[in-house]
Amino acid sequence: MIKAWLSQHGFVFGQTLKRMVLSPVTNLLSILVMGVAFSLPVGVYILLQNLHAISGQTVVTPQMSLFFKQHATEQDIDTIRNLLQEQKRIVGIEFVPKDQALLQLQQSGGLENIIHSLGRNPLPDAFLVDIQDVDIEALDQLQTTMQGWPEIEYVQFDSVWTKRLEAMLNFGRVVVLLLFALLSVAVVAVMFNTIRLQIMTRRDEIELSKLIGATDSFIRRPFLYFGAIQGLAGGITAWLIIALVLQTINGQLKTLADLYAWNVHLQHLPEQDSISLLLFAAWLGWLGARLAVAGHLRGIETDT
C-alpha cells in the first residue's frame, strides 16, 4: 500500500518536473520573481542579525562607573572587585585610583591652576566596568544592585545609546515582519495566477479525467507539486541572491574595516534559518497552488 502510494507520488513528481522543463523561460521568470521577493525581507533580517557585531565595533560597549566613598579602604576595593568578578554580564574591569584620575584631569588641559589650588584630591577611587548585555532592564537591575554594595557612593551608567539601539532593532523587526507578510501575499498571488493559467490550458484534460472517475486529489496533486517546487526554487534563489550580495558587501566592507581596525564580516543565515526559509517558500508556493486549484475545480464542476 505504501509502496503504491510512493510510486504514484513519484510518478506525479517526475511528470511535474518534465512540464516545468517544457516551459523554462516562464518558470524561470516566476522563480526569479519569488526569489527577489523573498530576498528583501530576509536581507533586512540578516542585517539585523549582524547589527550586534557591527555595533560592537562602532558603538561604545555598555560601561558603568562605580565611584567609592572618600573613606573607602583597600579592603573595600578588594571586596568590590570580588563582587564584580562574580557577575556573569561583566566582561572587563578596570580600577582607576583617585591619584591617576586626578593626573588625567590635569593632563586634559585648562584646569591646572584650579587643581593646584585644591587642598586635597576631591576625586574618588573608581571601577570602570564593561558589560556584554545590552538589555535595558538587565542593565538597570545591575546598576541598582551595584548601588547597594558597601562603600559605593554612586554608579553611573549612560543608557541613552542602548535605548536607541534597542528601539532601532525593534523597528527593524517590525519592518521585517511587514515585508514578509506583504511579499508572502505577493508570492501566493503570483503562484495563484500561474496555476490558474495552467488549469485554463489543461481544462479539457481535467474535464476528461473527471469523467473517467479521477478524484479531485488526483487532479490537484500535480499542481500542488508544481507550486511547492517553484516555491522551493524561489527560496533557493533568494538564498543565492543574498549570498552574492553579502559577498560583494563584505569585499567592500573589509576595505573600510581595515581603515578603522574593525573586525566586521556579515554572516549569512545559519543552517536552521536557511532550512526554515526554504520550507516556508515551498509552503507558500503550495498554498498559492492549493487556493487556485480549489477555486477552479469548483468552477469546472459547475460547468460540467
Protein backbone atom coordinates (compact mmCIF):
# COMPACT_ATOMS: atom_id res chain seq x y z
CA MET A 1 0.00 0.00 0.00
CA ILE A 2 2.73 2.44 0.98
CA LYS A 3 4.82 1.36 -1.99
CA ALA A 4 1.93 2.09 -4.36
CA TRP A 5 1.34 5.47 -2.73
CA LEU A 6 5.01 6.39 -3.06
CA SER A 7 5.00 5.18 -6.66
CA GLN A 8 2.03 7.40 -7.52
CA HIS A 9 3.59 10.46 -5.95
CA GLY A 10 6.94 9.73 -7.55
CA PHE A 11 5.30 9.48 -10.97
CA VAL A 12 3.41 12.76 -10.48
CA PHE A 13 6.57 14.46 -9.23
CA GLY A 14 8.51 13.33 -12.30
CA GLN A 15 5.75 14.46 -14.67
CA THR A 16 5.63 17.84 -12.95
CA LEU A 17 9.36 18.35 -13.45
CA LYS A 18 9.01 17.43 -17.13
CA ARG A 19 6.24 20.01 -17.59
CA MET A 20 8.41 22.65 -15.95
CA VAL A 21 11.29 21.86 -18.29
CA LEU A 22 8.99 22.30 -21.29
CA SER A 23 8.37 25.95 -20.31
CA PRO A 24 11.77 27.05 -18.98
CA VAL A 25 11.50 30.79 -19.60
CA THR A 26 8.12 31.24 -17.92
CA ASN A 27 9.09 29.11 -14.93
CA LEU A 28 12.49 30.76 -14.51
CA LEU A 29 10.88 34.20 -14.52
CA SER A 30 8.37 33.13 -11.86
CA ILE A 31 11.15 31.64 -9.74
CA LEU A 32 13.22 34.80 -10.12
CA VAL A 33 10.29 36.99 -9.07
CA MET A 34 9.74 34.88 -5.95
CA GLY A 35 13.45 34.83 -5.20
CA VAL A 36 13.71 38.61 -5.32
CA ALA A 37 10.56 38.94 -3.21
CA PHE A 38 11.97 36.62 -0.54
CA SER A 39 15.43 38.18 -0.59
CA LEU A 40 14.21 41.62 0.51
CA PRO A 41 12.84 40.75 3.99
CA VAL A 42 15.45 38.04 4.54
CA GLY A 43 18.20 40.53 3.68
CA VAL A 44 16.87 43.01 6.25
CA TYR A 45 16.67 40.18 8.81
CA ILE A 46 20.31 39.25 8.17
CA LEU A 47 21.39 42.88 8.60
CA LEU A 48 19.61 42.96 11.96
CA GLN A 49 21.31 39.73 12.99
CA ASN A 50 24.69 41.23 12.14
CA LEU A 51 23.95 44.57 13.77
CA HIS A 52 25.24 43.44 17.16
CA ALA A 53 28.59 42.50 15.66
CA ILE A 54 28.83 45.83 13.84
CA SER A 55 27.67 47.87 16.82
CA GLY A 56 30.31 46.18 18.95
CA GLN A 57 32.93 47.82 16.73
CA THR A 58 31.27 51.16 16.07
CA VAL A 59 29.49 51.90 19.36
CA VAL A 60 30.98 52.08 22.82
CA THR A 61 30.49 48.92 24.84
CA PRO A 62 27.98 49.39 27.69
CA GLN A 63 30.05 50.68 30.58
CA MET A 64 29.31 51.51 34.20
CA SER A 65 31.43 53.60 36.54
CA LEU A 66 31.44 52.70 40.23
CA PHE A 67 32.64 55.56 42.45
CA PHE A 68 33.78 54.81 46.00
CA LYS A 69 33.18 56.91 49.05
CA GLN A 70 36.14 59.07 50.05
CA HIS A 71 37.00 56.99 53.09
CA ALA A 72 37.00 53.64 51.23
CA THR A 73 39.95 51.38 52.10
CA GLU A 74 42.00 48.86 50.12
CA GLN A 75 39.95 46.09 51.70
CA ASP A 76 36.73 47.75 50.49
CA ILE A 77 38.19 47.96 46.98
CA ASP A 78 39.14 44.25 47.03
CA THR A 79 35.64 43.36 48.22
CA ILE A 80 34.02 45.24 45.34
CA ARG A 81 36.48 43.71 42.86
CA ASN A 82 35.46 40.22 44.01
CA LEU A 83 31.79 41.11 43.69
CA LEU A 84 32.35 42.39 40.15
CA GLN A 85 34.18 39.23 39.13
CA GLU A 86 31.18 37.17 40.21
CA GLN A 87 28.87 38.99 37.77
CA LYS A 88 28.44 36.98 34.55
CA ARG A 89 27.43 40.02 32.47
CA ILE A 90 30.70 41.82 33.19
CA VAL A 91 33.44 41.24 30.61
CA GLY A 92 36.01 43.83 31.67
CA ILE A 93 37.09 45.51 34.92
CA GLU A 94 39.48 48.45 35.24
CA PHE A 95 40.40 50.09 38.54
CA VAL A 96 41.15 53.82 38.38
CA PRO A 97 42.84 55.13 41.57
CA LYS A 98 41.97 58.65 42.66
CA ASP A 99 45.54 59.86 42.05
CA GLN A 100 45.51 58.53 38.49
CA ALA A 101 42.13 60.16 37.86
CA LEU A 102 43.48 63.49 39.12
CA LEU A 103 46.55 63.20 36.89
CA GLN A 104 44.38 62.51 33.86
CA LEU A 105 42.28 65.55 34.72
CA GLN A 106 45.42 67.69 34.90
CA GLN A 107 46.62 66.43 31.52
CA SER A 108 43.30 67.29 29.89
CA GLY A 109 44.41 70.96 29.99
CA GLY A 110 42.91 74.17 31.23
CA LEU A 111 42.41 73.04 34.83
CA GLU A 112 45.96 73.03 36.20
CA ASN A 113 45.58 76.19 38.28
CA ILE A 114 42.25 75.10 39.73
CA ILE A 115 43.57 71.66 40.67
CA HIS A 116 46.72 73.07 42.32
CA SER A 117 44.56 75.39 44.42
CA LEU A 118 42.68 72.46 45.93
CA GLY A 119 43.77 71.38 49.38
CA ARG A 120 43.19 67.68 48.67
CA ASN A 121 42.23 65.33 45.91
CA PRO A 122 38.42 65.50 45.62
CA LEU A 123 38.17 62.61 43.20
CA PRO A 124 37.20 59.11 44.44
CA ASP A 125 38.62 55.73 43.52
CA ALA A 126 36.55 54.09 40.81
CA PHE A 127 35.97 50.95 38.80
CA LEU A 128 35.20 51.09 35.07
CA VAL A 129 33.14 48.03 34.14
CA ASP A 130 32.45 46.76 30.60
CA ILE A 131 29.21 44.81 30.17
CA GLN A 132 28.23 42.41 27.40
CA ASP A 133 24.45 42.61 27.89
CA VAL A 134 22.56 45.38 26.05
CA ASP A 135 19.16 44.62 27.54
CA ILE A 136 17.96 47.81 29.21
CA GLU A 137 16.08 46.11 32.03
CA ALA A 138 19.03 43.86 32.87
CA LEU A 139 21.42 46.80 32.91
CA ASP A 140 19.14 48.89 35.11
CA GLN A 141 18.79 45.97 37.51
CA LEU A 142 22.58 45.52 37.61
CA GLN A 143 23.02 49.24 38.29
CA THR A 144 20.58 49.06 41.19
CA THR A 145 22.40 46.04 42.61
CA MET A 146 25.79 47.76 42.44
CA GLN A 147 24.39 50.89 44.04
CA GLY A 148 23.62 48.87 47.16
CA TRP A 149 27.14 47.49 47.55
CA PRO A 150 29.18 48.67 50.59
CA GLU A 151 31.27 51.83 50.24
CA ILE A 152 29.86 52.61 46.79
CA GLU A 153 28.85 56.27 46.59
CA TYR A 154 27.39 56.33 43.07
CA VAL A 155 27.02 54.10 40.00
CA GLN A 156 26.95 55.98 36.71
CA PHE A 157 25.53 54.47 33.55
CA ASP A 158 24.52 56.22 30.34
CA SER A 159 21.76 54.09 28.79
CA VAL A 160 20.76 56.50 26.03
CA TRP A 161 22.63 54.75 23.24
CA THR A 162 21.44 51.31 24.31
CA LYS A 163 17.84 52.53 24.29
CA ARG A 164 18.39 53.90 20.81
CA LEU A 165 19.90 50.61 19.66
CA GLU A 166 17.05 48.60 21.15
CA ALA A 167 14.47 50.90 19.56
CA MET A 168 16.21 50.56 16.20
CA LEU A 169 16.27 46.77 16.47
CA ASN A 170 12.59 46.65 17.41
CA PHE A 171 11.73 48.91 14.48
CA GLY A 172 13.75 46.66 12.17
CA ARG A 173 11.92 43.57 13.40
CA VAL A 174 8.57 45.20 12.69
CA VAL A 175 9.77 46.16 9.20
CA VAL A 176 10.90 42.57 8.54
CA LEU A 177 7.55 41.14 9.65
CA LEU A 178 5.61 43.60 7.48
CA LEU A 179 7.81 42.90 4.47
CA PHE A 180 7.46 39.17 4.99
CA ALA A 181 3.68 39.46 5.25
CA LEU A 182 3.26 41.70 2.20
CA LEU A 183 5.69 39.83 -0.03
CA SER A 184 4.27 36.47 1.06
CA VAL A 185 0.88 37.62 -0.17
CA ALA A 186 2.56 38.68 -3.42
CA VAL A 187 4.20 35.25 -3.82
CA VAL A 188 0.88 33.49 -3.21
CA ALA A 189 -0.77 35.77 -5.77
CA VAL A 190 1.93 35.02 -8.35
CA MET A 191 1.55 31.30 -7.80
CA PHE A 192 -2.25 31.58 -7.86
CA ASN A 193 -2.12 33.29 -11.25
CA THR A 194 0.43 30.80 -12.63
CA ILE A 195 -1.67 27.79 -11.61
CA ARG A 196 -4.84 29.47 -12.91
CA LEU A 197 -3.27 29.79 -16.35
CA GLN A 198 -2.16 26.15 -16.27
CA ILE A 199 -5.64 24.99 -15.34
CA MET A 200 -7.16 27.02 -18.18
CA THR A 201 -4.77 25.47 -20.71
CA ARG A 202 -5.45 21.95 -19.37
CA ARG A 203 -9.18 22.39 -18.83
CA ASP A 204 -10.16 19.75 -21.40
CA GLU A 205 -7.72 17.25 -19.87
CA ILE A 206 -9.13 17.90 -16.39
CA GLU A 207 -12.73 17.52 -17.53
CA LEU A 208 -11.90 14.24 -19.28
CA SER A 209 -10.12 12.96 -16.16
CA LYS A 210 -13.17 13.74 -14.03
CA LEU A 211 -15.46 11.97 -16.49
CA ILE A 212 -13.45 8.74 -16.22
CA GLY A 213 -13.56 8.88 -12.42
CA ALA A 214 -10.45 10.78 -11.35
CA THR A 215 -10.74 12.23 -7.85
CA ASP A 216 -10.10 15.86 -7.01
CA SER A 217 -6.99 14.90 -5.03
CA PHE A 218 -5.57 13.11 -8.09
CA ILE A 219 -6.22 16.12 -10.31
CA ARG A 220 -4.93 18.55 -7.69
CA ARG A 221 -1.69 16.67 -6.96
CA PRO A 222 0.49 17.77 -9.93
CA PHE A 223 -0.46 21.41 -9.44
CA LEU A 224 0.43 21.25 -5.75
CA TYR A 225 3.78 19.70 -6.59
CA PHE A 226 4.33 22.41 -9.18
CA GLY A 227 3.62 25.14 -6.64
CA ALA A 228 5.81 23.60 -3.94
CA ILE A 229 8.72 23.05 -6.35
CA GLN A 230 8.54 26.60 -7.65
CA GLY A 231 8.30 27.97 -4.12
CA LEU A 232 11.32 25.92 -3.05
CA ALA A 233 13.24 27.09 -6.11
CA GLY A 234 12.30 30.67 -5.24
CA GLY A 235 13.64 30.18 -1.72
CA ILE A 236 16.90 28.76 -3.06
CA THR A 237 17.16 31.69 -5.47
CA ALA A 238 16.67 34.14 -2.59
CA TRP A 239 19.38 32.37 -0.58
CA LEU A 240 21.79 32.60 -3.51
CA ILE A 241 20.95 36.26 -4.17
CA ILE A 242 21.67 37.13 -0.55
CA ALA A 243 24.91 35.12 -0.60
CA LEU A 244 26.06 37.03 -3.67
CA VAL A 245 25.09 40.39 -2.16
CA LEU A 246 26.84 39.58 1.13
CA GLN A 247 29.98 38.52 -0.69
CA THR A 248 30.02 41.82 -2.59
CA ILE A 249 29.34 43.89 0.54
CA ASN A 250 31.94 42.03 2.61
CA GLY A 251 34.55 42.73 -0.04
CA GLN A 252 33.94 46.48 0.23
CA LEU A 253 33.37 46.33 3.99
CA LYS A 254 36.75 44.74 4.56
CA THR A 255 38.48 47.75 3.00
CA LEU A 256 36.53 50.11 5.25
CA ALA A 257 37.00 47.92 8.33
CA ASP A 258 40.78 47.80 7.85
CA LEU A 259 40.92 51.60 7.94
CA TYR A 260 39.20 51.68 11.35
CA ALA A 261 40.77 48.46 12.72
CA TRP A 262 37.37 46.76 12.92
CA ASN A 263 36.73 43.05 12.70
CA VAL A 264 33.46 43.07 10.79
CA HIS A 265 32.17 40.34 8.50
CA LEU A 266 28.49 39.94 7.64
CA GLN A 267 27.31 36.38 8.16
CA HIS A 268 24.69 34.57 6.08
CA LEU A 269 21.72 32.74 7.56
CA PRO A 270 22.65 29.87 9.87
CA GLU A 271 21.69 26.37 8.81
CA GLN A 272 18.45 26.22 10.80
CA ASP A 273 17.21 29.57 9.48
CA SER A 274 18.16 28.59 5.92
CA ILE A 275 16.10 25.40 6.16
CA SER A 276 13.19 27.40 7.60
CA LEU A 277 13.39 29.81 4.66
CA LEU A 278 13.28 27.01 2.10
CA LEU A 279 10.39 25.22 3.82
CA PHE A 280 8.42 28.45 4.17
CA ALA A 281 8.97 29.29 0.50
CA ALA A 282 7.83 25.81 -0.55
CA TRP A 283 4.75 26.12 1.67
CA LEU A 284 3.79 29.48 0.15
CA GLY A 285 4.06 28.01 -3.34
CA TRP A 286 1.93 25.05 -2.27
CA LEU A 287 -0.62 27.38 -0.67
CA GLY A 288 -0.98 29.51 -3.79
CA ALA A 289 -1.45 26.39 -5.89
CA ARG A 290 -3.94 24.96 -3.43
CA LEU A 291 -6.10 28.09 -3.48
CA ALA A 292 -6.03 28.30 -7.27
CA VAL A 293 -6.90 24.64 -7.81
CA ALA A 294 -9.69 24.64 -5.23
CA GLY A 295 -11.45 27.60 -6.81
CA HIS A 296 -11.11 26.47 -10.41
CA LEU A 297 -12.06 22.85 -9.77
CA ARG A 298 -15.34 24.07 -8.31
CA GLY A 299 -15.85 26.15 -11.45
CA ILE A 300 -15.25 23.12 -13.66
CA GLU A 301 -17.69 21.04 -11.64
CA THR A 302 -20.34 23.76 -12.03
CA ASP A 303 -19.83 23.95 -15.79
CA THR A 304 -19.93 20.20 -16.26
